[in-house]
Amino acid sequence: PHMLPAALGWPTTRAARRDVENDAWQLLERLDL
């Protein structure tokens, strides 16, 4: 997310951060990391 929504901690930005982290974990599992 953009800086201002992230700084304010809007629900949409928290959800976007969780989605990215979930995708990162899935990639690490797929690549044996």
PDB file of all heavy atoms in Angstrom:
ATOM      1  N   PRO A   1       0.813  -1.210   0.000  1.00  0.00           N
ATOM      2  CA  PRO A   1       0.000   0.000   0.000  1.00  0.00           C
ATOM      3  C   PRO A   1       0.849   1.263   0.000  1.00  0.00           C
ATOM      4  O   PRO A   1       2.039   1.244   0.296  1.00  0.00           O
ATOM      5  CB  PRO A   1      -0.799  -0.106   1.305  1.00  0.00           C
ATOM      6  CG  PRO A   1       0.038  -0.966   2.182  1.00  0.00           C
ATOM      7  CD  PRO A   1       0.734  -1.934   1.276  1.00  0.00           C
ATOM      8  N   HIS A   2       0.198   2.383  -0.332  1.00  0.00           N
ATOM      9  CA  HIS A   2       0.879   3.668  -0.301  1.00  0.00           C
ATOM     10  C   HIS A   2       1.201   4.057   1.140  1.00  0.00           C
ATOM     11  O   HIS A   2       0.656   3.514   2.102  1.00  0.00           O
ATOM     12  CB  HIS A   2       0.016   4.738  -0.968  1.00  0.00           C
ATOM     13  CG  HIS A   2      -0.192   4.494  -2.435  1.00  0.00           C
ATOM     14  ND1 HIS A   2       0.836   4.524  -3.344  1.00  0.00           N
ATOM     15  CD2 HIS A   2      -1.309   4.209  -3.146  1.00  0.00           C
ATOM     16  CE1 HIS A   2       0.363   4.270  -4.558  1.00  0.00           C
ATOM     17  NE2 HIS A   2      -0.934   4.078  -4.459  1.00  0.00           N
ATOM     18  N   MET A   3       2.089   5.040   1.273  1.00  0.00           N
ATOM     19  CA  MET A   3       2.644   5.382   2.583  1.00  0.00           C
ATOM     20  C   MET A   3       1.574   5.815   3.584  1.00  0.00           C
ATOM     21  O   MET A   3       1.555   5.350   4.724  1.00  0.00           O
ATOM     22  CB  MET A   3       3.678   6.503   2.420  1.00  0.00           C
ATOM     23  CG  MET A   3       4.404   6.850   3.708  1.00  0.00           C
ATOM     24  SD  MET A   3       5.642   8.141   3.460  1.00  0.00           S
ATOM     25  CE  MET A   3       6.750   7.317   2.322  1.00  0.00           C
ATOM     26  N   LEU A   4       0.666   6.714   3.184  1.00  0.00           N
ATOM     27  CA  LEU A   4      -0.307   7.237   4.136  1.00  0.00           C
ATOM     28  C   LEU A   4      -1.246   6.154   4.657  1.00  0.00           C
ATOM     29  O   LEU A   4      -1.399   6.007   5.880  1.00  0.00           O
ATOM     30  CB  LEU A   4      -1.104   8.385   3.508  1.00  0.00           C
ATOM     31  CG  LEU A   4      -2.164   9.024   4.415  1.00  0.00           C
ATOM     32  CD1 LEU A   4      -1.523   9.590   5.681  1.00  0.00           C
ATOM     33  CD2 LEU A   4      -2.922  10.123   3.662  1.00  0.00           C
ATOM     34  N   PRO A   5      -1.901   5.367   3.795  1.00  0.00           N
ATOM     35  CA  PRO A   5      -2.753   4.290   4.324  1.00  0.00           C
ATOM     36  C   PRO A   5      -1.982   3.318   5.215  1.00  0.00           C
ATOM     37  O   PRO A   5      -2.502   2.843   6.224  1.00  0.00           O
ATOM     38  CB  PRO A   5      -3.270   3.596   3.058  1.00  0.00           C
ATOM     39  CG  PRO A   5      -3.176   4.622   1.986  1.00  0.00           C
ATOM     40  CD  PRO A   5      -1.965   5.438   2.324  1.00  0.00           C
ATOM     41  N   ALA A   6      -0.723   3.031   4.849  1.00  0.00           N
ATOM     42  CA  ALA A   6       0.074   2.112   5.664  1.00  0.00           C
ATOM     43  C   ALA A   6       0.351   2.709   7.041  1.00  0.00           C
ATOM     44  O   ALA A   6       0.285   2.021   8.057  1.00  0.00           O
ATOM     45  CB  ALA A   6       1.380   1.783   4.951  1.00  0.00           C
ATOM     46  N   ALA A   7       0.682   4.019   7.057  1.00  0.00           N
ATOM     47  CA  ALA A   7       0.986   4.676   8.329  1.00  0.00           C
ATOM     48  C   ALA A   7      -0.239   4.731   9.241  1.00  0.00           C
ATOM     49  O   ALA A   7      -0.127   4.620  10.461  1.00  0.00           O
ATOM     50  CB  ALA A   7       1.515   6.085   8.064  1.00  0.00           C
ATOM     51  N   LEU A   8      -1.410   4.864   8.625  1.00  0.00           N
ATOM     52  CA  LEU A   8      -2.635   4.938   9.416  1.00  0.00           C
ATOM     53  C   LEU A   8      -3.153   3.563   9.819  1.00  0.00           C
ATOM     54  O   LEU A   8      -4.059   3.452  10.648  1.00  0.00           O
ATOM     55  CB  LEU A   8      -3.719   5.682   8.621  1.00  0.00           C
ATOM     56  CG  LEU A   8      -3.431   7.174   8.344  1.00  0.00           C
ATOM     57  CD1 LEU A   8      -4.513   7.765   7.456  1.00  0.00           C
ATOM     58  CD2 LEU A   8      -3.326   7.956   9.658  1.00  0.00           C
ATOM     59  N   GLY A   9      -2.576   2.527   9.221  1.00  0.00           N
ATOM     60  CA  GLY A   9      -2.972   1.170   9.586  1.00  0.00           C
ATOM     61  C   GLY A   9      -4.380   0.817   9.164  1.00  0.00           C
ATOM     62  O   GLY A   9      -5.090   0.113   9.894  1.00  0.00           O
ATOM     63  N   TRP A  10      -4.810   1.290   7.991  1.00  0.00           N
ATOM     64  CA  TRP A  10      -6.160   0.994   7.528  1.00  0.00           C
ATOM     65  C   TRP A  10      -6.339  -0.516   7.372  1.00  0.00           C
ATOM     66  O   TRP A  10      -5.397  -1.246   7.051  1.00  0.00           O
ATOM     67  CB  TRP A  10      -6.411   1.694   6.199  1.00  0.00           C
ATOM     68  CG  TRP A  10      -6.550   3.185   6.345  1.00  0.00           C
ATOM     69  CD1 TRP A  10      -6.539   3.904   7.501  1.00  0.00           C
ATOM     70  CD2 TRP A  10      -6.702   4.116   5.279  1.00  0.00           C
ATOM     71  NE1 TRP A  10      -6.680   5.249   7.234  1.00  0.00           N
ATOM     72  CE2 TRP A  10      -6.790   5.403   5.876  1.00  0.00           C
ATOM     73  CE3 TRP A  10      -6.780   4.012   3.896  1.00  0.00           C
ATOM     74  CZ2 TRP A  10      -6.946   6.569   5.134  1.00  0.00           C
ATOM     75  CZ3 TRP A  10      -6.936   5.178   3.149  1.00  0.00           C
ATOM     76  CH2 TRP A  10      -7.028   6.430   3.759  1.00  0.00           C
ATOM     77  N   PRO A  11      -7.547  -1.020   7.570  1.00  0.00           N
ATOM     78  CA  PRO A  11      -7.785  -2.469   7.451  1.00  0.00           C
ATOM     79  C   PRO A  11      -7.368  -3.037   6.102  1.00  0.00           C
ATOM     80  O   PRO A  11      -6.861  -4.161   6.040  1.00  0.00           O
ATOM     81  CB  PRO A  11      -9.297  -2.588   7.680  1.00  0.00           C
ATOM     82  CG  PRO A  11      -9.642  -1.393   8.511  1.00  0.00           C
ATOM     83  CD  PRO A  11      -8.734  -0.292   8.045  1.00  0.00           C
ATOM     84  N   THR A  12      -7.587  -2.283   5.041  1.00  0.00           N
ATOM     85  CA  THR A  12      -7.219  -2.798   3.714  1.00  0.00           C
ATOM     86  C   THR A  12      -5.710  -2.993   3.595  1.00  0.00           C
ATOM     87  O   THR A  12      -5.259  -3.922   2.933  1.00  0.00           O
ATOM     88  CB  THR A  12      -7.703  -1.837   2.615  1.00  0.00           C
ATOM     89  OG1 THR A  12      -7.221  -0.512   2.905  1.00  0.00           O
ATOM     90  CG2 THR A  12      -9.220  -1.808   2.522  1.00  0.00           C
ATOM     91  N   THR A  13      -4.934  -2.098   4.233  1.00  0.00           N
ATOM     92  CA  THR A  13      -3.480  -2.253   4.154  1.00  0.00           C
ATOM     93  C   THR A  13      -3.015  -3.435   4.989  1.00  0.00           C
ATOM     94  O   THR A  13      -2.083  -4.142   4.602  1.00  0.00           O
ATOM     95  CB  THR A  13      -2.762  -0.974   4.618  1.00  0.00           C
ATOM     96  OG1 THR A  13      -3.002  -0.761   6.012  1.00  0.00           O
ATOM     97  CG2 THR A  13      -3.243   0.232   3.836  1.00  0.00           C
ATOM     98  N   ARG A  14      -3.646  -3.662   6.136  1.00  0.00           N
ATOM     99  CA  ARG A  14      -3.284  -4.823   6.954  1.00  0.00           C
ATOM    100  C   ARG A  14      -3.604  -6.115   6.210  1.00  0.00           C
ATOM    101  O   ARG A  14      -2.837  -7.082   6.252  1.00  0.00           O
ATOM    102  CB  ARG A  14      -4.014  -4.766   8.290  1.00  0.00           C
ATOM    103  CG  ARG A  14      -3.563  -3.617   9.198  1.00  0.00           C
ATOM    104  CD  ARG A  14      -4.001  -3.851  10.637  1.00  0.00           C
ATOM    105  NE  ARG A  14      -5.463  -3.888  10.764  1.00  0.00           N
ATOM    106  CZ  ARG A  14      -6.216  -2.827  11.007  1.00  0.00           C
ATOM    107  NH1 ARG A  14      -5.648  -1.620  11.131  1.00  0.00           N
ATOM    108  NH2 ARG A  14      -7.529  -2.938  11.125  1.00  0.00           N
ATOM    109  N   ALA A  15      -4.738  -6.131   5.514  1.00  0.00           N
ATOM    110  CA  ALA A  15      -5.120  -7.317   4.740  1.00  0.00           C
ATOM    111  C   ALA A  15      -4.138  -7.550   3.593  1.00  0.00           C
ATOM    112  O   ALA A  15      -3.743  -8.694   3.315  1.00  0.00           O
ATOM    113  CB  ALA A  15      -6.539  -7.159   4.203  1.00  0.00           C
ATOM    114  N   ALA A  16      -3.723  -6.456   2.926  1.00  0.00           N
ATOM    115  CA  ALA A  16      -2.765  -6.577   1.825  1.00  0.00           C
ATOM    116  C   ALA A  16      -1.430  -7.121   2.327  1.00  0.00           C
ATOM    117  O   ALA A  16      -0.797  -7.964   1.675  1.00  0.00           O
ATOM    118  CB  ALA A  16      -2.562  -5.219   1.150  1.00  0.00           C
ATOM    119  N   ARG A  17      -1.000  -6.662   3.514  1.00  0.00           N
ATOM    120  CA  ARG A  17       0.260  -7.139   4.082  1.00  0.00           C
ATOM    121  C   ARG A  17       0.178  -8.626   4.401  1.00  0.00           C
ATOM    122  O   ARG A  17       1.115  -9.388   4.150  1.00  0.00           O
ATOM    123  CB  ARG A  17       0.587  -6.331   5.336  1.00  0.00           C
ATOM    124  CG  ARG A  17       1.994  -6.600   5.892  1.00  0.00           C
ATOM    125  CD  ARG A  17       2.277  -5.770   7.131  1.00  0.00           C
ATOM    126  NE  ARG A  17       2.184  -4.355   6.857  1.00  0.00           N
ATOM    127  CZ  ARG A  17       1.246  -3.543   7.350  1.00  0.00           C
ATOM    128  NH1 ARG A  17       0.313  -4.044   8.160  1.00  0.00           N
ATOM    129  NH2 ARG A  17       1.224  -2.274   7.068  1.00  0.00           N
ATOM    130  N   ARG A  18      -0.960  -9.052   4.943  1.00  0.00           N
ATOM    131  CA  ARG A  18      -1.129 -10.480   5.251  1.00  0.00           C
ATOM    132  C   ARG A  18      -1.097 -11.326   3.985  1.00  0.00           C
ATOM    133  O   ARG A  18      -0.522 -12.413   3.959  1.00  0.00           O
ATOM    134  CB  ARG A  18      -2.446 -10.696   6.004  1.00  0.00           C
ATOM    135  CG  ARG A  18      -2.415 -10.269   7.469  1.00  0.00           C
ATOM    136  CD  ARG A  18      -3.606 -10.852   8.226  1.00  0.00           C
ATOM    137  NE  ARG A  18      -4.881 -10.407   7.646  1.00  0.00           N
ATOM    138  CZ  ARG A  18      -5.536  -9.323   8.016  1.00  0.00           C
ATOM    139  NH1 ARG A  18      -5.032  -8.546   8.971  1.00  0.00           N
ATOM    140  NH2 ARG A  18      -6.683  -8.993   7.462  1.00  0.00           N
ATOM    141  N   ASP A  19      -1.741 -10.812   2.916  1.00  0.00           N
ATOM    142  CA  ASP A  19      -1.752 -11.554   1.657  1.00  0.00           C
ATOM    143  C   ASP A  19      -0.331 -11.734   1.121  1.00  0.00           C
ATOM    144  O   ASP A  19       0.029 -12.822   0.639  1.00  0.00           O
ATOM    145  CB  ASP A  19      -2.599 -10.815   0.611  1.00  0.00           C
ATOM    146  CG  ASP A  19      -4.088 -10.917   0.913  1.00  0.00           C
ATOM    147  OD1 ASP A  19      -4.472 -11.785   1.722  1.00  0.00           O
ATOM    148  OD2 ASP A  19      -4.858 -10.118   0.343  1.00  0.00           O
ATOM    149  N   VAL A  20       0.466 -10.669   1.177  1.00  0.00           N
ATOM    150  CA  VAL A  20       1.841 -10.753   0.691  1.00  0.00           C
ATOM    151  C   VAL A  20       2.650 -11.745   1.521  1.00  0.00           C
ATOM    152  O   VAL A  20       3.392 -12.565   0.983  1.00  0.00           O
ATOM    153  CB  VAL A  20       2.509  -9.353   0.705  1.00  0.00           C
ATOM    154  CG1 VAL A  20       4.016  -9.474   0.452  1.00  0.00           C
ATOM    155  CG2 VAL A  20       1.869  -8.451  -0.345  1.00  0.00           C
ATOM    156  N   GLU A  21       2.485 -11.681   2.835  1.00  0.00           N
ATOM    157  CA  GLU A  21       3.215 -12.608   3.703  1.00  0.00           C
ATOM    158  C   GLU A  21       2.802 -14.057   3.446  1.00  0.00           C
ATOM    159  O   GLU A  21       3.649 -14.958   3.418  1.00  0.00           O
ATOM    160  CB  GLU A  21       2.995 -12.239   5.166  1.00  0.00           C
ATOM    161  CG  GLU A  21       3.682 -10.939   5.570  1.00  0.00           C
ATOM    162  CD  GLU A  21       3.448 -10.590   7.026  1.00  0.00           C
ATOM    163  OE1 GLU A  21       2.693 -11.335   7.705  1.00  0.00           O
ATOM    164  OE2 GLU A  21       4.004  -9.577   7.481  1.00  0.00           O
ATOM    165  N   ASN A  22       1.513 -14.286   3.232  1.00  0.00           N
ATOM    166  CA  ASN A  22       1.045 -15.640   2.937  1.00  0.00           C
ATOM    167  C   ASN A  22       1.656 -16.150   1.631  1.00  0.00           C
ATOM    168  O   ASN A  22       2.085 -17.310   1.539  1.00  0.00           O
ATOM    169  CB  ASN A  22      -0.484 -15.670   2.847  1.00  0.00           C
ATOM    170  CG  ASN A  22      -1.150 -15.518   4.206  1.00  0.00           C
ATOM    171  OD1 ASN A  22      -0.541 -15.802   5.238  1.00  0.00           O
ATOM    172  ND2 ASN A  22      -2.391 -15.064   4.211  1.00  0.00           N
ATOM    173  N   ASP A  23       1.683 -15.278   0.612  1.00  0.00           N
ATOM    174  CA  ASP A  23       2.274 -15.670  -0.666  1.00  0.00           C
ATOM    175  C   ASP A  23       3.763 -15.948  -0.512  1.00  0.00           C
ATOM    176  O   ASP A  23       4.308 -16.875  -1.138  1.00  0.00           O
ATOM    177  CB  ASP A  23       2.060 -14.572  -1.711  1.00  0.00           C
ATOM    178  CG  ASP A  23       0.633 -14.509  -2.213  1.00  0.00           C
ATOM    179  OD1 ASP A  23      -0.153 -15.425  -1.898  1.00  0.00           O
ATOM    180  OD2 ASP A  23       0.283 -13.533  -2.905  1.00  0.00           O
ATOM    181  N   ALA A  24       4.430 -15.144   0.322  1.00  0.00           N
ATOM    182  CA  ALA A  24       5.861 -15.348   0.544  1.00  0.00           C
ATOM    183  C   ALA A  24       6.114 -16.708   1.185  1.00  0.00           C
ATOM    184  O   ALA A  24       7.019 -17.451   0.765  1.00  0.00           O
ATOM    185  CB  ALA A  24       6.424 -14.235   1.419  1.00  0.00           C
ATOM    186  N   TRP A  25       5.322 -17.060   2.188  1.00  0.00           N
ATOM    187  CA  TRP A  25       5.492 -18.367   2.835  1.00  0.00           C
ATOM    188  C   TRP A  25       5.252 -19.505   1.847  1.00  0.00           C
ATOM    189  O   TRP A  25       5.962 -20.527   1.857  1.00  0.00           O
ATOM    190  CB  TRP A  25       4.557 -18.489   4.032  1.00  0.00           C
ATOM    191  CG  TRP A  25       5.028 -17.771   5.253  1.00  0.00           C
ATOM    192  CD1 TRP A  25       4.467 -16.680   5.862  1.00  0.00           C
ATOM    193  CD2 TRP A  25       6.183 -18.092   6.046  1.00  0.00           C
ATOM    194  NE1 TRP A  25       5.192 -16.297   6.954  1.00  0.00           N
ATOM    195  CE2 TRP A  25       6.253 -17.163   7.106  1.00  0.00           C
ATOM    196  CE3 TRP A  25       7.158 -19.085   5.963  1.00  0.00           C
ATOM    197  CZ2 TRP A  25       7.261 -17.174   8.053  1.00  0.00           C
ATOM    198  CZ3 TRP A  25       8.178 -19.115   6.918  1.00  0.00           C
ATOM    199  CH2 TRP A  25       8.212 -18.170   7.948  1.00  0.00           C
ATOM    200  N   GLN A  26       4.252 -19.357   0.997  1.00  0.00           N
ATOM    201  CA  GLN A  26       3.974 -20.406   0.010  1.00  0.00           C
ATOM    202  C   GLN A  26       5.138 -20.566  -0.969  1.00  0.00           C
ATOM    203  O   GLN A  26       5.501 -21.693  -1.341  1.00  0.00           O
ATOM    204  CB  GLN A  26       2.688 -20.077  -0.745  1.00  0.00           C
ATOM    205  CG  GLN A  26       1.433 -20.206   0.107  1.00  0.00           C
ATOM    206  CD  GLN A  26       0.179 -19.804  -0.641  1.00  0.00           C
ATOM    207  OE1 GLN A  26       0.155 -19.760  -1.857  1.00  0.00           O
ATOM    208  NE2 GLN A  26      -0.879 -19.491   0.099  1.00  0.00           N
ATOM    209  N   LEU A  27       5.735 -19.445  -1.366  1.00  0.00           N
ATOM    210  CA  LEU A  27       6.883 -19.515  -2.269  1.00  0.00           C
ATOM    211  C   LEU A  27       8.076 -20.175  -1.590  1.00  0.00           C
ATOM    212  O   LEU A  27       8.776 -20.998  -2.190  1.00  0.00           O
ATOM    213  CB  LEU A  27       7.276 -18.112  -2.745  1.00  0.00           C
ATOM    214  CG  LEU A  27       6.525 -17.561  -3.946  1.00  0.00           C
ATOM    215  CD1 LEU A  27       6.829 -16.082  -4.124  1.00  0.00           C
ATOM    216  CD2 LEU A  27       6.908 -18.330  -5.209  1.00  0.00           C
ATOM    217  N   LEU A  28       8.311 -19.810  -0.340  1.00  0.00           N
ATOM    218  CA  LEU A  28       9.430 -20.412   0.380  1.00  0.00           C
ATOM    219  C   LEU A  28       9.244 -21.926   0.530  1.00  0.00           C
ATOM    220  O   LEU A  28      10.202 -22.693   0.435  1.00  0.00           O
ATOM    221  CB  LEU A  28       9.597 -19.754   1.751  1.00  0.00           C
ATOM    222  CG  LEU A  28       9.960 -18.264   1.750  1.00  0.00           C
ATOM    223  CD1 LEU A  28      10.225 -17.781   3.165  1.00  0.00           C
ATOM    224  CD2 LEU A  28      11.155 -17.976   0.853  1.00  0.00           C
ATOM    225  N   GLU A  29       8.009 -22.340   0.754  1.00  0.00           N
ATOM    226  CA  GLU A  29       7.743 -23.777   0.837  1.00  0.00           C
ATOM    227  C   GLU A  29       7.982 -24.443  -0.516  1.00  0.00           C
ATOM    228  O   GLU A  29       8.594 -25.512  -0.594  1.00  0.00           O
ATOM    229  CB  GLU A  29       6.307 -24.012   1.296  1.00  0.00           C
ATOM    230  CG  GLU A  29       5.968 -25.482   1.478  1.00  0.00           C
ATOM    231  CD  GLU A  29       4.570 -25.697   2.026  1.00  0.00           C
ATOM    232  OE1 GLU A  29       3.767 -24.736   2.038  1.00  0.00           O
ATOM    233  OE2 GLU A  29       4.281 -26.828   2.467  1.00  0.00           O
ATOM    234  N   ARG A  30       7.515 -23.784  -1.607  1.00  0.00           N
ATOM    235  CA  ARG A  30       7.670 -24.353  -2.950  1.00  0.00           C
ATOM    236  C   ARG A  30       9.140 -24.464  -3.335  1.00  0.00           C
ATOM    237  O   ARG A  30       9.543 -25.408  -4.046  1.00  0.00           O
ATOM    238  CB  ARG A  30       6.928 -23.466  -3.972  1.00  0.00           C
ATOM    239  CG  ARG A  30       7.076 -23.909  -5.420  1.00  0.00           C
ATOM    240  CD  ARG A  30       6.441 -25.266  -5.626  1.00  0.00           C
ATOM    241  NE  ARG A  30       6.624 -25.740  -6.979  1.00  0.00           N
ATOM    242  CZ  ARG A  30       7.713 -26.353  -7.414  1.00  0.00           C
ATOM    243  NH1 ARG A  30       8.739 -26.560  -6.593  1.00  0.00           N
ATOM    244  NH2 ARG A  30       7.808 -26.777  -8.658  1.00  0.00           N
ATOM    245  N   LEU A  31       9.973 -23.525  -2.872  1.00  0.00           N
ATOM    246  CA  LEU A  31      11.386 -23.496  -3.236  1.00  0.00           C
ATOM    247  C   LEU A  31      12.283 -24.123  -2.167  1.00  0.00           C
ATOM    248  O   LEU A  31      13.493 -23.938  -2.198  1.00  0.00           O
ATOM    249  CB  LEU A  31      11.819 -22.045  -3.495  1.00  0.00           C
ATOM    250  CG  LEU A  31      11.202 -21.418  -4.745  1.00  0.00           C
ATOM    251  CD1 LEU A  31      11.435 -19.915  -4.778  1.00  0.00           C
ATOM    252  CD2 LEU A  31      11.759 -22.051  -6.007  1.00  0.00           C
ATOM    253  N   ASP A  32      11.654 -24.829  -1.229  1.00  0.00           N
ATOM    254  CA  ASP A  32      12.391 -25.549  -0.193  1.00  0.00           C
ATOM    255  C   ASP A  32      13.280 -24.608   0.625  1.00  0.00           C
ATOM    256  O   ASP A  32      14.451 -24.905   0.897  1.00  0.00           O
ATOM    257  CB  ASP A  32      13.237 -26.661  -0.828  1.00  0.00           C
ATOM    258  CG  ASP A  32      13.702 -27.691   0.203  1.00  0.00           C
ATOM    259  OD1 ASP A  32      13.057 -27.794   1.261  1.00  0.00           O
ATOM    260  OD2 ASP A  32      14.724 -28.356  -0.054  1.00  0.00           O
ATOM    261  N   LEU A  33      12.692 -23.488   1.045  1.00  0.00           N
ATOM    262  CA  LEU A  33      13.429 -22.486   1.813  1.00  0.00           C
ATOM    263  C   LEU A  33      12.842 -22.262   3.200  1.00  0.00           C
ATOM    264  O   LEU A  33      13.247 -21.326   3.904  1.00  0.00           O
ATOM    265  CB  LEU A  33      13.451 -21.148   1.047  1.00  0.00           C
ATOM    266  CG  LEU A  33      14.246 -21.129  -0.261  1.00  0.00           C
ATOM    267  CD1 LEU A  33      13.934 -19.859  -1.050  1.00  0.00           C
ATOM    268  CD2 LEU A  33      15.744 -21.232   0.014  1.00  0.00           C
TER     269      LEU A  33
END
